[in-house]
Amino acid sequence: MAANTWQLQLIDGWRLRSGGMDVKVGLRQQRLIAALALLGSQPRSFLSGLLWPDSTEKQASGSLRAAVWTISQQLPGLLVTDNNRLELAESVHVDLSDFLRETPGPAARVLGNRLDVLARAELLPGWYDDWVLEEQEQFQRRRLTLLETIAENMLALGESAGALEAAWAALRIDPLHGTAMRLLLRAQLQEGNHAGVLSAYRDFSSRMRTEFGARLPADIVAIVSPLLTGAV
């Protein structure tokens, strides 16, 4: 069994598979495996403090030893221990590595497939440990960047509907993100949806004033100004 290949899912819920079958794993062991998948090789002392922050050092160390022993018995070959450090074996494939790869170049079908995943993905939903929340925040920032890249590529292809979908998904992550709003306005202009442009612009302007007491950036105003002056 040591030669097993493992498939670890962290996006849209925790799941471990081996040989095409789901593997049952306790919550304590799930958290240790997830931490190693997200943070890479770590000292035992760091992991015990991270995963059991409310325990004494002795208790946390004991909890970690118990989790490692359980994994070594139930999932042999999953963990590598060396020089008082822990890491996942190379045979563990984590879905996050595929998810965070660079967005492919313009190709409508490929971009559309990528968008379907990016628009709804969540990292370990329902997990509220402090260290997980930090990882979720980083994941959202990365997801935002990838969605904006897809929107830009879709616009270059003249695929305004796909660009709109990507821009809206980005704005659901950060409703006041200037780059996402620019992409949304450009996509609506590409579709000829002038009413949508003006509505989105006015809503964004109102939010900026309410939340930051700030005016819109000049480049966003420039996108809409021909409509405001009646030039289009």
Protein backbone atom coordinates (compact mmCIF):
# COMPACT_ATOMS: atom_id res chain seq x y z
CA MET A 1 0.00 0.00 0.00
CA ALA A 2 3.02 2.29 0.40
CA ALA A 3 3.08 2.73 -3.37
CA ASN A 4 -0.43 4.15 -3.42
CA THR A 5 -1.14 7.35 -5.27
CA TRP A 6 -3.35 9.69 -3.29
CA GLN A 7 -5.70 12.37 -4.60
CA LEU A 8 -6.38 15.10 -2.04
CA GLN A 9 -9.22 17.56 -2.63
CA LEU A 10 -9.30 20.83 -0.70
CA ILE A 11 -11.49 22.88 -3.05
CA ASP A 12 -15.23 22.71 -2.37
CA GLY A 13 -14.67 20.33 0.54
CA TRP A 14 -12.05 17.97 1.99
CA ARG A 15 -11.77 14.58 0.32
CA LEU A 16 -9.05 11.93 0.04
CA ARG A 17 -9.09 9.19 -2.56
CA SER A 18 -6.80 6.28 -3.31
CA GLY A 19 -7.20 3.75 -6.09
CA GLY A 20 -10.39 5.48 -7.15
CA MET A 21 -12.00 4.97 -3.74
CA ASP A 22 -12.81 7.47 -1.00
CA VAL A 23 -10.72 7.08 2.14
CA LYS A 24 -12.28 7.80 5.52
CA VAL A 25 -10.11 10.13 7.63
CA GLY A 26 -10.79 11.56 11.08
CA LEU A 27 -11.10 15.33 11.56
CA ARG A 28 -7.84 15.65 13.50
CA GLN A 29 -5.96 13.84 10.76
CA GLN A 30 -7.75 15.85 8.07
CA ARG A 31 -6.47 19.08 9.55
CA LEU A 32 -2.90 17.86 9.74
CA ILE A 33 -2.98 16.64 6.14
CA ALA A 34 -4.60 19.89 4.96
CA ALA A 35 -1.98 21.98 6.78
CA LEU A 36 0.85 20.09 5.09
CA ALA A 37 -0.86 20.38 1.71
CA LEU A 38 -1.22 24.15 2.07
CA LEU A 39 1.97 25.03 3.95
CA GLY A 40 4.40 22.36 2.79
CA SER A 41 7.07 20.73 4.94
CA GLN A 42 6.96 22.03 8.51
CA PRO A 43 8.63 21.34 11.88
CA ARG A 44 6.56 19.27 14.29
CA SER A 45 6.67 22.06 16.87
CA PHE A 46 5.14 24.52 14.40
CA LEU A 47 2.37 22.12 13.42
CA SER A 48 1.42 21.25 16.99
CA GLY A 49 1.11 24.94 17.89
CA LEU A 50 -0.80 25.69 14.69
CA LEU A 51 -3.33 22.89 15.01
CA TRP A 52 -3.82 22.94 18.78
CA PRO A 53 -3.33 26.61 19.72
CA ASP A 54 -5.43 26.39 22.88
CA SER A 55 -3.52 23.42 24.34
CA THR A 56 -0.35 23.45 26.35
CA GLU A 57 2.84 22.69 24.45
CA LYS A 58 2.93 19.19 25.95
CA GLN A 59 -0.69 18.50 25.11
CA ALA A 60 -0.34 19.85 21.58
CA SER A 61 2.78 17.75 21.01
CA GLY A 62 0.91 14.66 22.22
CA SER A 63 -2.06 15.39 19.97
CA LEU A 64 0.26 15.71 16.99
CA ARG A 65 2.03 12.45 17.79
CA ALA A 66 -1.34 10.71 18.03
CA ALA A 67 -2.47 12.15 14.69
CA VAL A 68 0.78 11.13 12.99
CA TRP A 69 0.57 7.61 14.43
CA THR A 70 -3.04 7.23 13.24
CA ILE A 71 -2.14 8.38 9.73
CA SER A 72 0.88 6.07 9.59
CA GLN A 73 -1.35 3.13 10.58
CA GLN A 74 -4.38 3.91 8.46
CA LEU A 75 -2.75 5.68 5.50
CA PRO A 76 0.77 4.26 5.22
CA GLY A 77 2.96 6.11 2.78
CA LEU A 78 1.00 9.37 2.96
CA LEU A 79 3.38 11.19 5.32
CA VAL A 80 7.13 11.63 5.25
CA THR A 81 8.92 12.29 8.54
CA ASP A 82 12.51 13.47 8.51
CA ASN A 83 14.64 15.53 10.88
CA ASN A 84 11.68 16.26 13.12
CA ARG A 85 9.69 17.63 10.18
CA LEU A 86 6.54 16.42 8.47
CA GLU A 87 5.46 16.63 4.85
CA LEU A 88 3.20 14.87 2.40
CA ALA A 89 4.70 12.18 0.18
CA GLU A 90 5.29 12.96 -3.48
CA SER A 91 2.56 10.43 -4.27
CA VAL A 92 -0.07 12.83 -2.88
CA HIS A 93 -1.63 14.92 -5.64
CA VAL A 94 -3.36 18.05 -4.30
CA ASP A 95 -6.10 19.63 -6.43
CA LEU A 96 -4.99 23.11 -5.39
CA SER A 97 -1.82 22.80 -7.48
CA ASP A 98 -3.91 22.37 -10.63
CA PHE A 99 -6.34 25.09 -9.65
CA LEU A 100 -3.66 27.73 -9.15
CA ARG A 101 -1.81 27.08 -12.37
CA GLU A 102 -1.58 29.97 -14.79
CA THR A 103 -4.66 30.64 -16.89
CA PRO A 104 -4.15 29.33 -20.43
CA GLY A 105 -3.84 31.69 -23.36
CA PRO A 106 -6.88 32.80 -25.35
CA ALA A 107 -8.99 29.85 -26.45
CA ALA A 108 -12.68 30.31 -25.77
CA ARG A 109 -13.51 26.69 -24.91
CA VAL A 110 -10.56 26.26 -22.54
CA LEU A 111 -11.19 29.61 -20.89
CA GLY A 112 -14.88 28.80 -20.51
CA ASN A 113 -14.11 25.50 -18.79
CA ARG A 114 -11.66 27.23 -16.46
CA LEU A 115 -14.19 29.95 -15.69
CA ASP A 116 -16.83 27.41 -14.66
CA VAL A 117 -14.51 26.15 -11.91
CA LEU A 118 -13.11 29.50 -10.82
CA ALA A 119 -16.49 31.19 -10.53
CA ARG A 120 -17.71 28.92 -7.74
CA ALA A 121 -14.60 27.48 -6.06
CA GLU A 122 -14.07 27.68 -2.29
CA LEU A 123 -11.15 26.47 -0.25
CA LEU A 124 -12.17 24.17 2.61
CA PRO A 125 -15.66 25.66 3.07
CA GLY A 126 -16.91 25.37 6.63
CA TRP A 127 -13.41 25.37 8.15
CA TYR A 128 -12.86 28.30 10.51
CA ASP A 129 -9.46 27.71 12.09
CA ASP A 130 -7.42 30.92 12.08
CA TRP A 131 -4.72 29.46 9.84
CA VAL A 132 -7.36 28.19 7.41
CA LEU A 133 -9.01 31.61 7.23
CA GLU A 134 -5.66 33.12 6.24
CA GLU A 135 -5.24 30.52 3.51
CA GLN A 136 -8.79 31.11 2.31
CA GLU A 137 -8.08 34.83 2.01
CA GLN A 138 -4.96 34.19 -0.07
CA PHE A 139 -6.93 31.73 -2.20
CA GLN A 140 -9.61 34.37 -2.87
CA ARG A 141 -6.99 36.91 -3.94
CA ARG A 142 -5.45 34.41 -6.33
CA ARG A 143 -8.88 33.46 -7.64
CA LEU A 144 -9.68 37.12 -8.22
CA THR A 145 -6.52 37.59 -10.29
CA LEU A 146 -7.24 34.49 -12.39
CA LEU A 147 -10.81 35.60 -13.06
CA GLU A 148 -9.59 39.00 -14.21
CA THR A 149 -7.08 37.33 -16.52
CA ILE A 150 -9.85 35.23 -18.04
CA ALA A 151 -12.05 38.30 -18.51
CA GLU A 152 -9.19 40.09 -20.27
CA ASN A 153 -8.57 37.12 -22.56
CA MET A 154 -12.28 36.77 -23.31
CA LEU A 155 -12.46 40.43 -24.28
CA ALA A 156 -9.52 39.94 -26.64
CA LEU A 157 -11.48 37.13 -28.30
CA GLY A 158 -14.63 39.22 -28.55
CA GLU A 159 -16.35 36.83 -26.12
CA SER A 160 -18.18 39.53 -24.19
CA ALA A 161 -20.58 37.13 -22.44
CA GLY A 162 -17.71 35.12 -20.98
CA ALA A 163 -15.87 38.31 -20.03
CA LEU A 164 -18.97 39.54 -18.23
CA GLU A 165 -19.33 36.29 -16.33
CA ALA A 166 -15.69 36.39 -15.24
CA ALA A 167 -15.89 40.06 -14.23
CA TRP A 168 -19.07 39.52 -12.20
CA ALA A 169 -17.47 36.53 -10.46
CA ALA A 170 -14.46 38.69 -9.60
CA LEU A 171 -16.70 41.43 -8.22
CA ARG A 172 -18.51 38.92 -6.02
CA ILE A 173 -15.14 38.33 -4.37
CA ASP A 174 -14.34 42.05 -4.07
CA PRO A 175 -17.23 44.37 -5.02
CA LEU A 176 -14.93 47.41 -5.01
CA HIS A 177 -12.05 46.02 -7.03
CA GLY A 178 -11.21 48.59 -9.68
CA THR A 179 -9.71 46.18 -12.22
CA ALA A 180 -12.76 43.93 -12.14
CA MET A 181 -15.06 46.93 -12.58
CA ARG A 182 -13.06 48.17 -15.59
CA LEU A 183 -13.38 44.74 -17.18
CA LEU A 184 -17.10 44.65 -16.50
CA LEU A 185 -17.65 48.05 -18.09
CA ARG A 186 -15.54 47.12 -21.12
CA ALA A 187 -17.46 43.88 -21.58
CA GLN A 188 -20.79 45.67 -21.39
CA LEU A 189 -19.58 48.23 -23.91
CA GLN A 190 -18.45 45.41 -26.19
CA GLU A 191 -21.98 44.02 -26.00
CA GLY A 192 -23.46 47.44 -26.67
CA ASN A 193 -25.24 47.40 -23.32
CA HIS A 194 -25.00 51.11 -22.57
CA ALA A 195 -27.73 51.03 -19.93
CA GLY A 196 -25.83 48.29 -18.09
CA VAL A 197 -22.63 50.33 -18.26
CA LEU A 198 -24.27 53.38 -16.73
CA SER A 199 -26.05 51.36 -14.05
CA ALA A 200 -22.86 49.57 -12.98
CA TYR A 201 -20.88 52.81 -13.08
CA ARG A 202 -23.36 54.71 -10.89
CA ASP A 203 -23.62 51.86 -8.39
CA PHE A 204 -19.84 51.57 -8.16
CA SER A 205 -19.46 55.34 -7.78
CA SER A 206 -22.03 55.37 -4.97
CA ARG A 207 -20.29 52.55 -3.14
CA MET A 208 -16.92 54.26 -3.40
CA ARG A 209 -18.32 57.47 -1.92
CA THR A 210 -20.18 55.66 0.85
CA GLU A 211 -17.42 53.29 1.93
CA PHE A 212 -14.27 55.29 1.20
CA GLY A 213 -15.41 58.87 0.62
CA ALA A 214 -13.53 58.66 -2.66
CA ARG A 215 -14.18 59.44 -6.28
CA LEU A 216 -13.76 56.90 -9.03
CA PRO A 217 -10.32 56.51 -10.65
CA ALA A 218 -9.88 58.57 -13.79
CA ASP A 219 -9.50 55.53 -16.04
CA ILE A 220 -12.92 54.18 -14.98
CA VAL A 221 -14.50 57.57 -15.59
CA ALA A 222 -12.84 57.67 -19.01
CA ILE A 223 -14.52 54.40 -20.03
CA VAL A 224 -17.97 55.80 -19.32
CA SER A 225 -17.51 59.49 -20.09
CA PRO A 226 -18.62 59.25 -23.75
CA LEU A 227 -21.96 57.86 -22.55
CA LEU A 228 -22.28 60.53 -19.86
CA THR A 229 -21.71 63.31 -22.38
CA GLY A 230 -23.98 61.73 -24.96
CA ALA A 231 -21.13 61.20 -27.42
CA VAL A 232 -22.17 57.58 -27.97
